[in-house]
PDB file of N, CA and C in Angstrom:
ATOM      1  N   MET A   1       0.980  -0.772   0.202  1.00  0.00           N
ATOM      2  CA  MET A   1       0.086   0.163   0.188  1.00  0.00           C
ATOM      3  C   MET A   1       0.784   1.024  -0.144  1.00  0.00           C
ATOM      4  N   ILE A   2       0.741   2.217  -0.753  1.00  0.00           N
ATOM      5  CA  ILE A   2       1.383   3.492  -0.980  1.00  0.00           C
ATOM      6  C   ILE A   2       0.693   4.232   0.104  1.00  0.00           C
ATOM      7  N   THR A   3       2.035   5.371   0.262  1.00  0.00           N
ATOM      8  CA  THR A   3       1.101   6.272   1.521  1.00  0.00           C
ATOM      9  C   THR A   3       0.634   7.647   0.660  1.00  0.00           C
ATOM     10  N   CYS A   4       0.113   8.274   1.489  1.00  0.00           N
ATOM     11  CA  CYS A   4      -0.441   9.868   0.857  1.00  0.00           C
ATOM     12  C   CYS A   4       0.217  10.423   0.244  1.00  0.00           C
ATOM     13  N   LYS A   5       1.701  10.719   1.092  1.00  0.00           N
ATOM     14  CA  LYS A   5       3.081  11.510   0.475  1.00  0.00           C
ATOM     15  C   LYS A   5       3.719  10.671  -1.360  1.00  0.00           C
ATOM     16  N   GLU A   6       3.397   9.570  -1.209  1.00  0.00           N
ATOM     17  CA  GLU A   6       3.593   8.702  -2.483  1.00  0.00           C
ATOM     18  C   GLU A   6       2.591   9.120  -3.426  1.00  0.00           C
ATOM     19  N   PHE A   7       1.090   9.236  -3.085  1.00  0.00           N
ATOM     20  CA  PHE A   7       0.335   9.215  -3.913  1.00  0.00           C
ATOM     21  C   PHE A   7      -0.048  10.553  -4.277  1.00  0.00           C
ATOM     22  N   MET A   8       0.535  11.669  -3.721  1.00  0.00           N
ATOM     23  CA  MET A   8       0.446  12.952  -4.129  1.00  0.00           C
ATOM     24  C   MET A   8       1.645  13.237  -4.804  1.00  0.00           C
ATOM     25  N   ALA A   9       2.918  12.438  -4.698  1.00  0.00           N
ATOM     26  CA  ALA A   9       4.234  12.689  -5.708  1.00  0.00           C
ATOM     27  C   ALA A   9       3.189  12.271  -7.024  1.00  0.00           C
ATOM     28  N   VAL A  10       2.757  11.579  -7.360  1.00  0.00           N
ATOM     29  CA  VAL A  10       2.433  11.531  -8.307  1.00  0.00           C
ATOM     30  C   VAL A  10       1.025  11.413  -9.117  1.00  0.00           C
ATOM     31  N   PHE A  11      -0.055  12.493  -7.858  1.00  0.00           N
ATOM     32  CA  PHE A  11      -0.833  12.282  -8.530  1.00  0.00           C
ATOM     33  C   PHE A  11      -1.382  13.248  -9.893  1.00  0.00           C
ATOM     34  N   GLY A  12      -0.758  14.563 -10.116  1.00  0.00           N
ATOM     35  CA  GLY A  12      -0.921  14.857 -11.604  1.00  0.00           C
ATOM     36  C   GLY A  12      -0.830  14.036 -12.709  1.00  0.00           C
ATOM     37  N   ASP A  13       0.336  12.932 -12.552  1.00  0.00           N
ATOM     38  CA  ASP A  13       0.095  11.956 -13.672  1.00  0.00           C
ATOM     39  C   ASP A  13      -1.015  11.007 -13.910  1.00  0.00           C
ATOM     40  N   TYR A  14      -1.228  10.696 -12.337  1.00  0.00           N
ATOM     41  CA  TYR A  14      -2.615   9.696 -12.463  1.00  0.00           C
ATOM     42  C   TYR A  14      -3.726  10.539 -12.816  1.00  0.00           C
ATOM     43  N   TRP A  15      -3.711  11.493 -12.588  1.00  0.00           N
ATOM     44  CA  TRP A  15      -5.030  12.647 -12.762  1.00  0.00           C
ATOM     45  C   TRP A  15      -5.133  12.463 -14.257  1.00  0.00           C
ATOM     46  N   GLU A  16      -4.389  12.525 -15.096  1.00  0.00           N
ATOM     47  CA  GLU A  16      -3.623  12.655 -16.680  1.00  0.00           C
ATOM     48  C   GLU A  16      -3.787  11.289 -17.325  1.00  0.00           C
ATOM     49  N   GLY A  17      -4.175  10.295 -16.416  1.00  0.00           N
ATOM     50  CA  GLY A  17      -3.714   9.294 -17.114  1.00  0.00           C
ATOM     51  C   GLY A  17      -2.452   8.750 -17.340  1.00  0.00           C
ATOM     52  N   GLU A  18      -1.460   9.243 -16.922  1.00  0.00           N
ATOM     53  CA  GLU A  18      -0.300   9.082 -17.003  1.00  0.00           C
ATOM     54  C   GLU A  18       0.672   8.312 -16.580  1.00  0.00           C
ATOM     55  N   VAL A  19       0.048   6.743 -15.838  1.00  0.00           N
ATOM     56  CA  VAL A  19       0.973   6.163 -14.667  1.00  0.00           C
ATOM     57  C   VAL A  19       0.832   4.753 -15.507  1.00  0.00           C
ATOM     58  N   ALA A  20       1.440   4.014 -14.771  1.00  0.00           N
ATOM     59  CA  ALA A  20       1.909   2.199 -15.258  1.00  0.00           C
ATOM     60  C   ALA A  20       0.459   1.772 -14.796  1.00  0.00           C
ATOM     61  N   ALA A  21       0.214   1.122 -15.476  1.00  0.00           N
ATOM     62  CA  ALA A  21      -1.341   0.075 -14.857  1.00  0.00           C
ATOM     63  C   ALA A  21      -0.873  -0.266 -13.130  1.00  0.00           C
ATOM     64  N   ASP A  22       0.184  -0.962 -12.855  1.00  0.00           N
ATOM     65  CA  ASP A  22       0.486  -1.276 -11.449  1.00  0.00           C
ATOM     66  C   ASP A  22       0.224  -0.200 -10.602  1.00  0.00           C
ATOM     67  N   VAL A  23       0.912   0.989 -11.286  1.00  0.00           N
ATOM     68  CA  VAL A  23       0.907   2.457 -10.228  1.00  0.00           C
ATOM     69  C   VAL A  23      -0.526   3.066 -10.390  1.00  0.00           C
ATOM     70  N   ARG A  24      -1.105   2.412 -11.340  1.00  0.00           N
ATOM     71  CA  ARG A  24      -2.913   3.112 -11.059  1.00  0.00           C
ATOM     72  C   ARG A  24      -3.325   1.992 -10.127  1.00  0.00           C
ATOM     73  N   ARG A  25      -3.217   0.773 -10.030  1.00  0.00           N
ATOM     74  CA  ARG A  25      -3.620   0.002  -9.203  1.00  0.00           C
ATOM     75  C   ARG A  25      -3.451   0.455  -7.571  1.00  0.00           C
ATOM     76  N   GLN A  26      -2.099   0.490  -7.445  1.00  0.00           N
ATOM     77  CA  GLN A  26      -1.662   0.818  -5.933  1.00  0.00           C
ATOM     78  C   GLN A  26      -2.360   2.063  -5.697  1.00  0.00           C
ATOM     79  N   MET A  27      -2.466   2.904  -6.476  1.00  0.00           N
ATOM     80  CA  MET A  27      -3.309   4.303  -6.073  1.00  0.00           C
ATOM     81  C   MET A  27      -4.844   4.185  -6.033  1.00  0.00           C
ATOM     82  N   GLU A  28      -5.287   3.420  -6.666  1.00  0.00           N
ATOM     83  CA  GLU A  28      -6.928   3.191  -6.400  1.00  0.00           C
ATOM     84  C   GLU A  28      -6.947   2.340  -5.576  1.00  0.00           C
ATOM     85  N   GLY A  29      -6.259   1.383  -5.065  1.00  0.00           N
ATOM     86  CA  GLY A  29      -6.255   0.882  -3.643  1.00  0.00           C
ATOM     87  C   GLY A  29      -6.040   1.827  -2.369  1.00  0.00           C
ATOM     88  N   HIS A  30      -4.879   2.338  -2.614  1.00  0.00           N
ATOM     89  CA  HIS A  30      -5.090   3.896  -1.610  1.00  0.00           C
ATOM     90  C   HIS A  30      -6.249   4.519  -1.321  1.00  0.00           C
ATOM     91  N   LEU A  31      -6.850   4.986  -2.956  1.00  0.00           N
ATOM     92  CA  LEU A  31      -7.955   5.951  -2.520  1.00  0.00           C
ATOM     93  C   LEU A  31      -9.115   5.122  -2.036  1.00  0.00           C
ATOM     94  N   SER A  32      -8.914   3.781  -2.088  1.00  0.00           N
ATOM     95  CA  SER A  32     -10.586   3.242  -1.362  1.00  0.00           C
ATOM     96  C   SER A  32     -10.188   3.301   0.089  1.00  0.00           C
ATOM     97  N   HIS A  33      -8.869   3.144   0.796  1.00  0.00           N
ATOM     98  CA  HIS A  33      -8.918   3.451   2.105  1.00  0.00           C
ATOM     99  C   HIS A  33      -8.758   4.502   2.871  1.00  0.00           C
ATOM    100  N   CYS A  34      -8.180   5.778   1.940  1.00  0.00           N
ATOM    101  CA  CYS A  34      -7.753   7.003   2.503  1.00  0.00           C
ATOM    102  C   CYS A  34      -8.563   8.164   1.972  1.00  0.00           C
ATOM    103  N   ARG A  35      -9.482   8.504   2.748  1.00  0.00           N
ATOM    104  CA  ARG A  35     -10.603   9.388   3.199  1.00  0.00           C
ATOM    105  C   ARG A  35      -9.846  10.801   2.292  1.00  0.00           C
ATOM    106  N   THR A  36      -8.475  11.306   2.968  1.00  0.00           N
ATOM    107  CA  THR A  36      -8.164  12.511   2.535  1.00  0.00           C
ATOM    108  C   THR A  36      -7.521  12.880   1.045  1.00  0.00           C
ATOM    109  N   CYS A  37      -6.973  11.656   0.723  1.00  0.00           N
ATOM    110  CA  CYS A  37      -6.434  11.565  -0.673  1.00  0.00           C
ATOM    111  C   CYS A  37      -7.580  11.523  -1.749  1.00  0.00           C
ATOM    112  N   HIS A  38      -9.183  10.672  -0.917  1.00  0.00           N
ATOM    113  CA  HIS A  38     -10.049  10.491  -1.980  1.00  0.00           C
ATOM    114  C   HIS A  38     -10.377  12.114  -2.366  1.00  0.00           C
ATOM    115  N   VAL A  39     -11.076  12.715  -0.950  1.00  0.00           N
ATOM    116  CA  VAL A  39     -11.394  14.233  -1.058  1.00  0.00           C
ATOM    117  C   VAL A  39     -10.727  14.976  -2.221  1.00  0.00           C
ATOM    118  N   VAL A  40      -8.934  14.987  -2.056  1.00  0.00           N
ATOM    119  CA  VAL A  40      -8.391  15.588  -2.770  1.00  0.00           C
ATOM    120  C   VAL A  40      -8.919  15.215  -4.427  1.00  0.00           C
ATOM    121  N   LEU A  41      -9.050  13.978  -4.612  1.00  0.00           N
ATOM    122  CA  LEU A  41      -9.369  13.673  -6.150  1.00  0.00           C
ATOM    123  C   LEU A  41     -10.729  14.331  -6.197  1.00  0.00           C
ATOM    124  N   ASP A  42     -11.414  13.604  -5.378  1.00  0.00           N
ATOM    125  CA  ASP A  42     -12.747  14.179  -5.920  1.00  0.00           C
ATOM    126  C   ASP A  42     -12.948  16.093  -5.790  1.00  0.00           C
ATOM    127  N   SER A  43     -11.981  16.951  -5.240  1.00  0.00           N
ATOM    128  CA  SER A  43     -12.234  18.094  -4.843  1.00  0.00           C
ATOM    129  C   SER A  43     -11.699  18.796  -6.376  1.00  0.00           C
ATOM    130  N   THR A  44     -10.183  17.981  -6.794  1.00  0.00           N
ATOM    131  CA  THR A  44      -9.852  18.302  -8.067  1.00  0.00           C
ATOM    132  C   THR A  44     -10.623  18.092  -9.121  1.00  0.00           C
ATOM    133  N   GLY A  45     -11.318  16.934  -9.320  1.00  0.00           N
ATOM    134  CA  GLY A  45     -12.452  16.523 -10.457  1.00  0.00           C
ATOM    135  C   GLY A  45     -13.668  17.805 -10.623  1.00  0.00           C
ATOM    136  N   LYS A  46     -13.918  18.299  -9.250  1.00  0.00           N
ATOM    137  CA  LYS A  46     -15.158  19.039  -9.277  1.00  0.00           C
ATOM    138  C   LYS A  46     -14.778  20.560  -9.460  1.00  0.00           C
ATOM    139  N   THR A  47     -13.274  20.731  -9.349  1.00  0.00           N
ATOM    140  CA  THR A  47     -13.166  22.060 -10.100  1.00  0.00           C
ATOM    141  C   THR A  47     -12.308  22.171 -11.454  1.00  0.00           C
ATOM    142  N   VAL A  48     -11.566  21.059 -11.862  1.00  0.00           N
ATOM    143  CA  VAL A  48     -11.859  21.275 -12.957  1.00  0.00           C
ATOM    144  C   VAL A  48     -13.299  21.107 -13.989  1.00  0.00           C
ATOM    145  N   LYS A  49     -14.078  20.573 -13.713  1.00  0.00           N
ATOM    146  CA  LYS A  49     -15.461  20.693 -14.235  1.00  0.00           C
ATOM    147  C   LYS A  49     -15.842  22.139 -14.233  1.00  0.00           C
ATOM    148  N   ILE A  50     -15.637  22.787 -13.224  1.00  0.00           N
ATOM    149  CA  ILE A  50     -16.462  24.194 -12.942  1.00  0.00           C
ATOM    150  C   ILE A  50     -15.458  25.053 -14.025  1.00  0.00           C
ATOM    151  N   VAL A  51     -14.104  25.325 -14.044  1.00  0.00           N
ATOM    152  CA  VAL A  51     -13.369  25.489 -14.565  1.00  0.00           C
ATOM    153  C   VAL A  51     -13.850  25.372 -16.033  1.00  0.00           C
ATOM    154  N   THR A  52     -13.940  24.371 -16.691  1.00  0.00           N
ATOM    155  CA  THR A  52     -13.994  23.919 -17.745  1.00  0.00           C
ATOM    156  C   THR A  52     -14.978  24.220 -18.326  1.00  0.00           C
ATOM    157  N   GLU A  53     -16.360  23.903 -17.924  1.00  0.00           N
ATOM    158  CA  GLU A  53     -17.667  24.517 -18.198  1.00  0.00           C
ATOM    159  C   GLU A  53     -17.839  25.596 -18.397  1.00  0.00           C
ATOM    160  N   SER A  54     -17.074  26.661 -17.341  1.00  0.00           N
ATOM    161  CA  SER A  54     -17.403  27.942 -17.285  1.00  0.00           C
ATOM    162  C   SER A  54     -16.520  28.775 -18.563  1.00  0.00           C
ATOM    163  N   GLY A  55     -15.983  28.373 -19.073  1.00  0.00           N
ATOM    164  CA  GLY A  55     -14.837  28.856 -20.473  1.00  0.00           C
ATOM    165  C   GLY A  55     -14.634  30.289 -20.189  1.00  0.00           C
ATOM    166  N   SER A  56     -14.340  30.742 -18.576  1.00  0.00           N
ATOM    167  CA  SER A  56     -14.005  32.097 -18.627  1.00  0.00           C
ATOM    168  C   SER A  56     -12.382  31.731 -18.257  1.00  0.00           C
ATOM    169  N   PHE A  57     -11.719  30.283 -18.300  1.00  0.00           N
ATOM    170  CA  PHE A  57     -10.594  30.587 -17.543  1.00  0.00           C
ATOM    171  C   PHE A  57      -9.416  29.656 -19.072  1.00  0.00           C
ATOM    172  N   ASP A  58      -9.700  30.532 -20.252  1.00  0.00           N
ATOM    173  CA  ASP A  58      -8.683  29.897 -21.217  1.00  0.00           C
ATOM    174  C   ASP A  58      -7.519  30.216 -21.050  1.00  0.00           C
ATOM    175  N   LEU A  59      -6.588  29.306 -20.879  1.00  0.00           N
ATOM    176  CA  LEU A  59      -5.085  30.228 -20.157  1.00  0.00           C
ATOM    177  C   LEU A  59      -4.280  28.595 -21.043  1.00  0.00           C
ATOM    178  N   PRO A  60      -2.865  29.355 -21.227  1.00  0.00           N
ATOM    179  CA  PRO A  60      -2.308  28.439 -22.082  1.00  0.00           C
ATOM    180  C   PRO A  60      -1.903  27.588 -21.466  1.00  0.00           C
ATOM    181  N   ASP A  61      -0.943  26.084 -21.376  1.00  0.00           N
ATOM    182  CA  ASP A  61      -0.576  25.151 -20.655  1.00  0.00           C
ATOM    183  C   ASP A  61       1.021  25.603 -19.924  1.00  0.00           C
ATOM    184  N   GLU A  62       1.409  26.914 -20.779  1.00  0.00           N
ATOM    185  CA  GLU A  62       2.829  27.412 -20.010  1.00  0.00           C
ATOM    186  C   GLU A  62       2.400  28.128 -18.912  1.00  0.00           C
ATOM    187  N   ALA A  63       0.937  28.797 -18.951  1.00  0.00           N
ATOM    188  CA  ALA A  63       0.576  29.253 -17.599  1.00  0.00           C
ATOM    189  C   ALA A  63      -0.109  28.501 -16.982  1.00  0.00           C
ATOM    190  N   THR A  64      -0.437  27.609 -16.959  1.00  0.00           N
ATOM    191  CA  THR A  64      -1.436  26.670 -16.375  1.00  0.00           C
ATOM    192  C   THR A  64      -0.061  25.670 -15.112  1.00  0.00           C
ATOM    193  N   LYS A  65       0.535  25.147 -16.070  1.00  0.00           N
ATOM    194  CA  LYS A  65       1.490  23.956 -15.577  1.00  0.00           C
ATOM    195  C   LYS A  65       1.890  24.584 -14.486  1.00  0.00           C
ATOM    196  N   PRO A  66       2.618  25.740 -14.198  1.00  0.00           N
ATOM    197  CA  PRO A  66       3.482  26.517 -12.725  1.00  0.00           C
ATOM    198  C   PRO A  66       2.080  26.446 -11.937  1.00  0.00           C
ATOM    199  N   ILE A  67       1.280  26.958 -12.175  1.00  0.00           N
ATOM    200  CA  ILE A  67       0.120  26.921 -11.141  1.00  0.00           C
ATOM    201  C   ILE A  67      -0.166  25.286 -10.594  1.00  0.00           C
ATOM    202  N   VAL A  68      -0.586  24.391 -11.240  1.00  0.00           N
ATOM    203  CA  VAL A  68      -0.635  23.069 -10.797  1.00  0.00           C
ATOM    204  C   VAL A  68       0.226  22.543 -10.388  1.00  0.00           C
ATOM    205  N   ALA A  69       1.769  22.822 -10.756  1.00  0.00           N
ATOM    206  CA  ALA A  69       2.846  22.292  -9.787  1.00  0.00           C
ATOM    207  C   ALA A  69       2.882  23.243  -8.161  1.00  0.00           C
ATOM    208  N   GLN A  70       2.604  24.154  -8.370  1.00  0.00           N
ATOM    209  CA  GLN A  70       2.752  24.753  -6.970  1.00  0.00           C
ATOM    210  C   GLN A  70       1.362  24.326  -6.106  1.00  0.00           C
ATOM    211  N   ILE A  71       0.388  24.294  -6.427  1.00  0.00           N
ATOM    212  CA  ILE A  71      -0.602  23.562  -6.169  1.00  0.00           C
ATOM    213  C   ILE A  71      -0.769  22.164  -5.142  1.00  0.00           C
ATOM    214  N   MET A  72       0.149  21.379  -5.877  1.00  0.00           N
ATOM    215  CA  MET A  72       0.550  20.219  -5.807  1.00  0.00           C
ATOM    216  C   MET A  72       1.616  20.151  -4.983  1.00  0.00           C
ATOM    217  N   ALA A  73       2.751  21.413  -4.944  1.00  0.00           N
ATOM    218  CA  ALA A  73       3.757  21.045  -4.029  1.00  0.00           C
ATOM    219  C   ALA A  73       3.151  21.631  -2.709  1.00  0.00           C
ATOM    220  N   ARG A  74       1.906  22.433  -2.755  1.00  0.00           N
ATOM    221  CA  ARG A  74       1.644  22.807  -1.318  1.00  0.00           C
ATOM    222  C   ARG A  74       0.711  21.520  -0.540  1.00  0.00           C
ATOM    223  N   ILE A  75       0.073  20.881  -1.314  1.00  0.00           N
ATOM    224  CA  ILE A  75      -0.748  19.953  -1.116  1.00  0.00           C
ATOM    225  C   ILE A  75       0.373  18.834  -0.847  1.00  0.00           C
ATOM    226  N   ARG A  76       1.333  18.356  -0.990  1.00  0.00           N
ATOM    227  CA  ARG A  76       2.395  17.530  -0.405  1.00  0.00           C
ATOM    228  C   ARG A  76       2.745  18.025   0.507  1.00  0.00           C
ATOM    229  N   GLN A  77       3.169  19.139   0.852  1.00  0.00           N
ATOM    230  CA  GLN A  77       4.169  19.474   1.912  1.00  0.00           C
ATOM    231  C   GLN A  77       2.886  19.726   3.317  1.00  0.00           C
ATOM    232  N   HIS A  78       1.467  19.840   2.966  1.00  0.00           N
ATOM    233  CA  HIS A  78       0.658  19.511   3.765  1.00  0.00           C
ATOM    234  C   HIS A  78       0.398  18.212   4.237  1.00  0.00           C
ATOM    235  N   LEU A  79       0.536  17.420   3.689  1.00  0.00           N
ATOM    236  CA  LEU A  79       0.511  15.841   3.696  1.00  0.00           C
ATOM    237  C   LEU A  79       1.705  15.367   4.850  1.00  0.00           C
ATOM    238  N   ALA A  80       3.090  16.137   4.037  1.00  0.00           N
ATOM    239  CA  ALA A  80       4.341  15.495   5.124  1.00  0.00           C
ATOM    240  C   ALA A  80       4.001  16.263   6.286  1.00  0.00           C
ATOM    241  N   SER A  81       3.721  17.069   6.666  1.00  0.00           N
ATOM    242  CA  SER A  81       3.784  17.932   8.298  1.00  0.00           C
ATOM    243  C   SER A  81       2.747  17.179   9.014  1.00  0.00           C
TER     244      SER A  81
END
């Protein structure tokens, strides 16, 4: 079983479907037992849906990638403490 810290380290790749099948299984196993990470996943999904459906946030990848990286770093830092 992976830890929350390990989950968050690859969360972005998991979200984008860019992890190996065995990593995906480990992450899904973790999600089935960890409410905190499940809430992060659920909140991320809801946020992405709101933003994409609103059409008001049309930013290029070079603008959004640093923002996502910073958010993920803060989440990892929070989980590590």
